[in-house]
Structure formats: structure tokens, C-alpha cells
Amino acid sequence: MSYIDNKLLKRHSSHNIRLILLLISLLAIVFFTIKSLNNLSANTLFSYPETIATDSYGIKELSLADINKDSYLDIIAVNANSNSIDVYVNPSSTQASWAKKPVVTNTQGLLTILTLDIDNDSDIDIIYTDTTSLAINLNTNLDGIGDNWQSSSVTSTAGAIKSMCSGDLNKDGYTDIVAADDVRGRIFYMQNRLNVNNSWQSF
């Protein structure tokens, strides 16, 4: 073999090696991409996508909160078809079903909710509007894990509340409620006085 032929052979071999290495790299990228999409890592909770419920027709609003204090976010759903507020409990693992636990039932006019610790006892309570009776109601999480709830009224003369938000407006350390009344065209707030006399004051 001549010097030129030998040089061309080496160049061709080097070129083939580079192509093989490039092909291996591309295959590795494709493999790990597919693996990352199909398999869950240690820090990933869900597959893509994961069906949580198939009976959720009529959902008006969703909220996320850790209802049962297991460090995983649960889903709270307002369902106008079933006239209920339901908690879908996060199973905290893949390939597991989300258990549905009703919190409010047989209540027409449900529209919007707030999920927050309203009484400063370190668990999540639920505040919801009832546009049929024109009320804002509170469901207090009694046991801290969402198995026992106590219902009470925030106000029975709220109006048709289409939107609510929350915050400590008077800096007393307790969360107040701000609401928009679509009937009277007003925005008002309910001052949280649960620590004083277990009541609310309207402004």
C-alpha cells in the first residue's frame, strides 16, 4: 500500500470513528430523554399526565392545599353539578388513586373558595361562597387532617360573591376576607375576630 493510500485509509478510519462516536452520543441523548419522560426520578411525583378524577363535570374552581398535613398538596374542588366541595387526597405516590372526600354537600350556588389557616391553628380551613343564600361560610378543619369539619357563617348578607381573597388587613395577626358583591357593586372586607369573640365584623 502506497503512502498516499495509507494516509487516505487513516483519514477515512478517523472520519468513521468520529461518526460512530457522534451517533453513540445522539443515541445516548435520545435514550436518556425518553427515560426521563417515561420514568419518574426520586424527586418527581407524577407521570405525564396523571388522571386525578373522571367524575368532575361542573367544576367551578380549584384550589391546592395540604389538607391532611402529610406535606403533599391536595386538590379542593367546587362542583356546581353535584353541589359539593370535595377534597381529592394526594396519594403521595404514582400509580395510586386520589380518594375523593366530600366536605360540603347538597349546597346550591357554590362558586368560589379560599383554602387557608383562618384560625391560626396550623391547619387548612375552607371558606366558600353560596350565591343562592348570598352567604359566605367557613368550614373549620377540626382534627387538622380533614376528616372532621365544623361549619359556621362568616356572613349571611354577603350578596352574590363572584370573587374573594384574603390577607391580614389590620395587622392583628389574623387573616381577613375581602369579597366582591356583584349584586350591589361593592367590595368589602370581613374582619376576622375569631380570637376575640368568635365572630366577624363587616366593613
C-alpha atoms as a PDB file:
ATOM      1  CA  MET A   1       0.000   0.000   0.000  1.00  0.00           C
ATOM      2  CA  SER A   2       1.376   3.343  -1.006  1.00  0.00           C
ATOM      3  CA  TYR A   3       1.946   6.200   1.416  1.00  0.00           C
ATOM      4  CA  ILE A   4      -0.977   8.145  -0.086  1.00  0.00           C
ATOM      5  CA  ASP A   5      -3.341   5.167   0.143  1.00  0.00           C
ATOM      6  CA  ASN A   6      -2.321   4.566   3.739  1.00  0.00           C
ATOM      7  CA  LYS A   7      -2.897   8.229   4.594  1.00  0.00           C
ATOM      8  CA  LEU A   8      -6.331   8.178   2.956  1.00  0.00           C
ATOM      9  CA  LEU A   9      -7.242   4.986   4.835  1.00  0.00           C
ATOM     10  CA  LYS A  10      -6.248   6.516   8.162  1.00  0.00           C
ATOM     11  CA  ARG A  11      -8.214   9.661   7.376  1.00  0.00           C
ATOM     12  CA  HIS A  12     -11.244   7.586   6.366  1.00  0.00           C
ATOM     13  CA  SER A  13     -10.977   5.472   9.516  1.00  0.00           C
ATOM     14  CA  SER A  14     -10.695   8.577  11.681  1.00  0.00           C
ATOM     15  CA  HIS A  15     -13.746  10.047   9.982  1.00  0.00           C
ATOM     16  CA  ASN A  16     -15.714   6.839  10.570  1.00  0.00           C
ATOM     17  CA  ILE A  17     -14.729   6.784  14.238  1.00  0.00           C
ATOM     18  CA  ARG A  18     -15.937  10.356  14.672  1.00  0.00           C
ATOM     19  CA  LEU A  19     -19.245   9.469  13.003  1.00  0.00           C
ATOM     20  CA  ILE A  20     -19.657   6.439  15.262  1.00  0.00           C
ATOM     21  CA  LEU A  21     -18.928   8.495  18.377  1.00  0.00           C
ATOM     22  CA  LEU A  22     -21.389  11.155  17.243  1.00  0.00           C
ATOM     23  CA  LEU A  23     -24.033   8.508  16.607  1.00  0.00           C
ATOM     24  CA  ILE A  24     -23.448   6.978  20.046  1.00  0.00           C
ATOM     25  CA  SER A  25     -23.783  10.410  21.648  1.00  0.00           C
ATOM     26  CA  LEU A  26     -27.048  11.100  19.819  1.00  0.00           C
ATOM     27  CA  LEU A  27     -28.436   7.705  20.773  1.00  0.00           C
ATOM     28  CA  ALA A  28     -27.484   8.320  24.398  1.00  0.00           C
ATOM     29  CA  ILE A  29     -29.261  11.690  24.379  1.00  0.00           C
ATOM     30  CA  VAL A  30     -32.395  10.145  22.862  1.00  0.00           C
ATOM     31  CA  PHE A  31     -32.306   7.253  25.338  1.00  0.00           C
ATOM     32  CA  PHE A  32     -32.000   9.428  28.423  1.00  0.00           C
ATOM     33  CA  THR A  33     -34.637  11.858  27.132  1.00  0.00           C
ATOM     34  CA  ILE A  34     -37.139   9.045  26.642  1.00  0.00           C
ATOM     35  CA  LYS A  35     -36.211   7.559  30.002  1.00  0.00           C
ATOM     36  CA  SER A  36     -36.715  10.880  31.791  1.00  0.00           C
ATOM     37  CA  LEU A  37     -40.162  11.281  30.235  1.00  0.00           C
ATOM     38  CA  ASN A  38     -41.366   7.754  30.913  1.00  0.00           C
ATOM     39  CA  ASN A  39     -39.777   7.034  34.254  1.00  0.00           C
ATOM     40  CA  LEU A  40     -40.058   9.069  37.416  1.00  0.00           C
ATOM     41  CA  SER A  41     -36.974  10.239  39.215  1.00  0.00           C
ATOM     42  CA  ALA A  42     -36.743  10.118  43.004  1.00  0.00           C
ATOM     43  CA  ASN A  43     -37.898  13.722  43.271  1.00  0.00           C
ATOM     44  CA  THR A  44     -40.780  13.507  40.779  1.00  0.00           C
ATOM     45  CA  LEU A  45     -44.304  12.749  41.927  1.00  0.00           C
ATOM     46  CA  PHE A  46     -46.387  12.488  38.781  1.00  0.00           C
ATOM     47  CA  SER A  47     -46.227  10.793  35.429  1.00  0.00           C
ATOM     48  CA  TYR A  48     -47.187  12.796  32.341  1.00  0.00           C
ATOM     49  CA  PRO A  49     -50.126  13.340  32.628  1.00  0.00           C
ATOM     50  CA  GLU A  50     -51.780  11.674  35.604  1.00  0.00           C
ATOM     51  CA  THR A  51     -55.557  11.436  35.721  1.00  0.00           C
ATOM     52  CA  ILE A  52     -56.857  12.558  39.093  1.00  0.00           C
ATOM     53  CA  ALA A  53     -60.621  12.290  38.585  1.00  0.00           C
ATOM     54  CA  THR A  54     -63.063  11.399  35.828  1.00  0.00           C
ATOM     55  CA  ASP A  55     -66.243  12.479  37.628  1.00  0.00           C
ATOM     56  CA  SER A  56     -65.512  16.184  37.840  1.00  0.00           C
ATOM     57  CA  TYR A  57     -68.089  17.679  35.474  1.00  0.00           C
ATOM     58  CA  GLY A  58     -69.295  21.066  36.703  1.00  0.00           C
ATOM     59  CA  ILE A  59     -66.113  22.196  38.443  1.00  0.00           C
ATOM     60  CA  LYS A  60     -66.220  25.963  39.056  1.00  0.00           C
ATOM     61  CA  GLU A  61     -62.971  26.438  40.938  1.00  0.00           C
ATOM     62  CA  LEU A  62     -59.927  24.501  42.115  1.00  0.00           C
ATOM     63  CA  SER A  63     -57.553  25.185  44.966  1.00  0.00           C
ATOM     64  CA  LEU A  64     -54.397  23.495  46.231  1.00  0.00           C
ATOM     65  CA  ALA A  65     -53.632  22.989  49.920  1.00  0.00           C
ATOM     66  CA  ASP A  66     -52.197  20.355  52.229  1.00  0.00           C
ATOM     67  CA  ILE A  67     -55.455  19.388  53.925  1.00  0.00           C
ATOM     68  CA  ASN A  68     -54.174  16.356  55.842  1.00  0.00           C
ATOM     69  CA  LYS A  69     -50.705  17.590  56.842  1.00  0.00           C
ATOM     70  CA  ASP A  70     -48.735  14.924  55.002  1.00  0.00           C
ATOM     71  CA  SER A  71     -46.602  17.544  53.194  1.00  0.00           C
ATOM     72  CA  TYR A  72     -48.321  16.818  49.856  1.00  0.00           C
ATOM     73  CA  LEU A  73     -50.726  19.255  48.217  1.00  0.00           C
ATOM     74  CA  ASP A  74     -54.297  18.048  47.877  1.00  0.00           C
ATOM     75  CA  ILE A  75     -56.916  19.383  45.460  1.00  0.00           C
ATOM     76  CA  ILE A  76     -60.078  21.114  46.644  1.00  0.00           C
ATOM     77  CA  ALA A  77     -62.804  21.329  44.002  1.00  0.00           C
ATOM     78  CA  VAL A  78     -66.047  23.321  43.881  1.00  0.00           C
ATOM     79  CA  ASN A  79     -68.567  21.303  41.877  1.00  0.00           C
ATOM     80  CA  ALA A  80     -71.755  23.072  40.789  1.00  0.00           C
ATOM     81  CA  ASN A  81     -73.258  19.907  39.294  1.00  0.00           C
ATOM     82  CA  SER A  82     -73.071  17.870  42.497  1.00  0.00           C
ATOM     83  CA  ASN A  83     -73.490  20.955  44.730  1.00  0.00           C
ATOM     84  CA  SER A  84     -70.444  19.920  46.689  1.00  0.00           C
ATOM     85  CA  ILE A  85     -66.943  20.855  47.734  1.00  0.00           C
ATOM     86  CA  ASP A  86     -64.666  17.836  47.545  1.00  0.00           C
ATOM     87  CA  VAL A  87     -61.096  17.167  48.561  1.00  0.00           C
ATOM     88  CA  TYR A  88     -59.061  14.916  46.290  1.00  0.00           C
ATOM     89  CA  VAL A  89     -56.419  13.492  48.606  1.00  0.00           C
ATOM     90  CA  ASN A  90     -52.929  13.311  47.141  1.00  0.00           C
ATOM     91  CA  PRO A  91     -51.792   9.650  47.341  1.00  0.00           C
ATOM     92  CA  SER A  92     -48.165  10.847  47.515  1.00  0.00           C
ATOM     93  CA  SER A  93     -47.088   8.145  45.090  1.00  0.00           C
ATOM     94  CA  THR A  94     -47.506   7.309  41.446  1.00  0.00           C
ATOM     95  CA  GLN A  95     -49.822   4.621  40.117  1.00  0.00           C
ATOM     96  CA  ALA A  96     -52.195   5.327  43.021  1.00  0.00           C
ATOM     97  CA  SER A  97     -55.706   6.731  43.013  1.00  0.00           C
ATOM     98  CA  TRP A  98     -56.805  10.034  44.518  1.00  0.00           C
ATOM     99  CA  ALA A  99     -59.515   9.467  47.133  1.00  0.00           C
ATOM    100  CA  LYS A 100     -62.414  11.935  46.989  1.00  0.00           C
ATOM    101  CA  LYS A 101     -63.653  13.194  50.359  1.00  0.00           C
ATOM    102  CA  PRO A 102     -66.742  15.457  50.418  1.00  0.00           C
ATOM    103  CA  VAL A 103     -66.500  18.474  52.716  1.00  0.00           C
ATOM    104  CA  VAL A 104     -69.667  20.364  51.738  1.00  0.00           C
ATOM    105  CA  THR A 105     -72.687  18.601  50.215  1.00  0.00           C
ATOM    106  CA  ASN A 106     -76.185  19.483  48.987  1.00  0.00           C
ATOM    107  CA  THR A 107     -75.448  23.207  48.804  1.00  0.00           C
ATOM    108  CA  GLN A 108     -76.618  25.042  45.701  1.00  0.00           C
ATOM    109  CA  GLY A 109     -74.919  28.172  44.439  1.00  0.00           C
ATOM    110  CA  LEU A 110     -71.352  27.164  45.314  1.00  0.00           C
ATOM    111  CA  LEU A 111     -68.956  29.308  43.335  1.00  0.00           C
ATOM    112  CA  THR A 112     -65.612  30.200  44.876  1.00  0.00           C
ATOM    113  CA  ILE A 113     -63.387  29.105  47.758  1.00  0.00           C
ATOM    114  CA  LEU A 114     -60.413  30.094  49.846  1.00  0.00           C
ATOM    115  CA  THR A 115     -58.166  27.479  51.433  1.00  0.00           C
ATOM    116  CA  LEU A 116     -56.148  28.909  54.308  1.00  0.00           C
ATOM    117  CA  ASP A 117     -55.479  28.701  58.037  1.00  0.00           C
ATOM    118  CA  ILE A 118     -58.156  31.138  59.184  1.00  0.00           C
ATOM    119  CA  ASP A 119     -57.969  30.406  62.924  1.00  0.00           C
ATOM    120  CA  ASN A 120     -54.180  30.193  63.322  1.00  0.00           C
ATOM    121  CA  ASP A 121     -54.151  26.565  64.467  1.00  0.00           C
ATOM    122  CA  SER A 122     -51.704  25.451  61.754  1.00  0.00           C
ATOM    123  CA  ASP A 123     -54.142  23.549  59.564  1.00  0.00           C
ATOM    124  CA  ILE A 124     -56.085  24.401  56.426  1.00  0.00           C
ATOM    125  CA  ASP A 125     -59.701  25.576  56.644  1.00  0.00           C
ATOM    126  CA  ILE A 126     -62.115  26.221  53.777  1.00  0.00           C
ATOM    127  CA  ILE A 127     -64.120  29.402  53.178  1.00  0.00           C
ATOM    128  CA  TYR A 128     -66.722  29.286  50.428  1.00  0.00           C
ATOM    129  CA  THR A 129     -69.441  31.411  48.878  1.00  0.00           C
ATOM    130  CA  ASP A 130     -73.051  30.382  48.423  1.00  0.00           C
ATOM    131  CA  THR A 131     -74.666  32.610  45.818  1.00  0.00           C
ATOM    132  CA  THR A 132     -78.093  31.066  46.381  1.00  0.00           C
ATOM    133  CA  SER A 133     -78.366  32.112  50.029  1.00  0.00           C
ATOM    134  CA  LEU A 134     -75.982  35.057  49.446  1.00  0.00           C
ATOM    135  CA  ALA A 135     -73.674  33.855  52.211  1.00  0.00           C
ATOM    136  CA  ILE A 136     -70.005  33.322  52.971  1.00  0.00           C
ATOM    137  CA  ASN A 137     -69.403  30.252  55.102  1.00  0.00           C
ATOM    138  CA  LEU A 138     -66.444  28.745  56.922  1.00  0.00           C
ATOM    139  CA  ASN A 139     -65.628  25.073  57.313  1.00  0.00           C
ATOM    140  CA  THR A 140     -63.100  24.682  60.116  1.00  0.00           C
ATOM    141  CA  ASN A 141     -60.708  21.743  59.948  1.00  0.00           C
ATOM    142  CA  LEU A 142     -61.224  20.363  63.463  1.00  0.00           C
ATOM    143  CA  ASP A 143     -58.818  17.437  63.540  1.00  0.00           C
ATOM    144  CA  GLY A 144     -56.183  19.031  61.328  1.00  0.00           C
ATOM    145  CA  ILE A 145     -56.265  16.221  58.765  1.00  0.00           C
ATOM    146  CA  GLY A 146     -59.549  16.945  57.018  1.00  0.00           C
ATOM    147  CA  ASP A 147     -61.672  14.158  58.489  1.00  0.00           C
ATOM    148  CA  ASN A 148     -63.816  16.335  60.767  1.00  0.00           C
ATOM    149  CA  TRP A 149     -65.191  19.740  59.802  1.00  0.00           C
ATOM    150  CA  GLN A 150     -67.325  22.316  61.593  1.00  0.00           C
ATOM    151  CA  SER A 151     -69.482  24.679  59.552  1.00  0.00           C
ATOM    152  CA  SER A 152     -70.181  28.270  60.583  1.00  0.00           C
ATOM    153  CA  SER A 153     -71.311  31.506  58.966  1.00  0.00           C
ATOM    154  CA  VAL A 154     -68.991  34.374  58.136  1.00  0.00           C
ATOM    155  CA  THR A 155     -71.891  36.497  56.870  1.00  0.00           C
ATOM    156  CA  SER A 156     -75.390  35.706  55.648  1.00  0.00           C
ATOM    157  CA  THR A 157     -75.785  39.013  53.785  1.00  0.00           C
ATOM    158  CA  ALA A 158     -72.758  38.925  51.516  1.00  0.00           C
ATOM    159  CA  GLY A 159     -74.595  39.115  48.216  1.00  0.00           C
ATOM    160  CA  ALA A 160     -73.597  37.312  45.032  1.00  0.00           C
ATOM    161  CA  ILE A 161     -69.896  36.881  45.682  1.00  0.00           C
ATOM    162  CA  LYS A 162     -68.005  36.133  42.479  1.00  0.00           C
ATOM    163  CA  SER A 163     -64.507  36.631  43.877  1.00  0.00           C
ATOM    164  CA  MET A 164     -62.718  36.526  47.235  1.00  0.00           C
ATOM    165  CA  CYS A 165     -59.196  36.984  48.515  1.00  0.00           C
ATOM    166  CA  SER A 166     -57.584  37.040  51.933  1.00  0.00           C
ATOM    167  CA  GLY A 167     -54.976  38.896  53.936  1.00  0.00           C
ATOM    168  CA  ASP A 168     -54.309  40.498  57.311  1.00  0.00           C
ATOM    169  CA  LEU A 169     -55.707  43.963  56.585  1.00  0.00           C
ATOM    170  CA  ASN A 170     -55.483  45.375  60.106  1.00  0.00           C
ATOM    171  CA  LYS A 171     -52.210  43.721  61.162  1.00  0.00           C
ATOM    172  CA  ASP A 172     -53.658  41.892  64.141  1.00  0.00           C
ATOM    173  CA  GLY A 173     -52.131  38.577  63.151  1.00  0.00           C
ATOM    174  CA  TYR A 174     -55.377  37.104  61.817  1.00  0.00           C
ATOM    175  CA  THR A 175     -56.375  36.688  58.195  1.00  0.00           C
ATOM    176  CA  ASP A 176     -59.351  38.738  56.983  1.00  0.00           C
ATOM    177  CA  ILE A 177     -61.543  38.187  53.926  1.00  0.00           C
ATOM    178  CA  VAL A 178     -62.089  40.597  51.041  1.00  0.00           C
ATOM    179  CA  ALA A 179     -65.068  39.919  48.778  1.00  0.00           C
ATOM    180  CA  ALA A 180     -66.719  41.420  45.701  1.00  0.00           C
ATOM    181  CA  ASP A 181     -70.521  41.598  45.756  1.00  0.00           C
ATOM    182  CA  ASP A 182     -71.790  41.530  42.180  1.00  0.00           C
ATOM    183  CA  VAL A 183     -75.371  42.432  43.184  1.00  0.00           C
ATOM    184  CA  ARG A 184     -74.598  45.726  44.908  1.00  0.00           C
ATOM    185  CA  GLY A 185     -71.397  46.504  43.052  1.00  0.00           C
ATOM    186  CA  ARG A 186     -69.304  46.716  46.208  1.00  0.00           C
ATOM    187  CA  ILE A 187     -66.019  45.427  47.548  1.00  0.00           C
ATOM    188  CA  PHE A 188     -65.996  44.844  51.290  1.00  0.00           C
ATOM    189  CA  TYR A 189     -63.991  43.015  53.885  1.00  0.00           C
ATOM    190  CA  MET A 190     -64.868  40.816  56.825  1.00  0.00           C
ATOM    191  CA  GLN A 191     -62.564  41.393  59.782  1.00  0.00           C
ATOM    192  CA  ASN A 192     -61.527  38.162  61.468  1.00  0.00           C
ATOM    193  CA  ARG A 193     -62.438  38.375  65.163  1.00  0.00           C
ATOM    194  CA  LEU A 194     -62.355  34.662  65.909  1.00  0.00           C
ATOM    195  CA  ASN A 195     -59.699  35.288  68.541  1.00  0.00           C
ATOM    196  CA  VAL A 196     -61.831  37.938  70.282  1.00  0.00           C
ATOM    197  CA  ASN A 197     -65.401  36.661  70.360  1.00  0.00           C
ATOM    198  CA  ASN A 198     -65.544  34.022  67.631  1.00  0.00           C
ATOM    199  CA  SER A 199     -67.165  36.439  65.176  1.00  0.00           C
ATOM    200  CA  TRP A 200     -66.637  38.510  62.030  1.00  0.00           C
ATOM    201  CA  GLN A 201     -67.117  42.243  61.541  1.00  0.00           C
ATOM    202  CA  SER A 202     -68.078  43.722  58.188  1.00  0.00           C
ATOM    203  CA  PHE A 203     -66.516  46.877  56.723  1.00  0.00           C
END
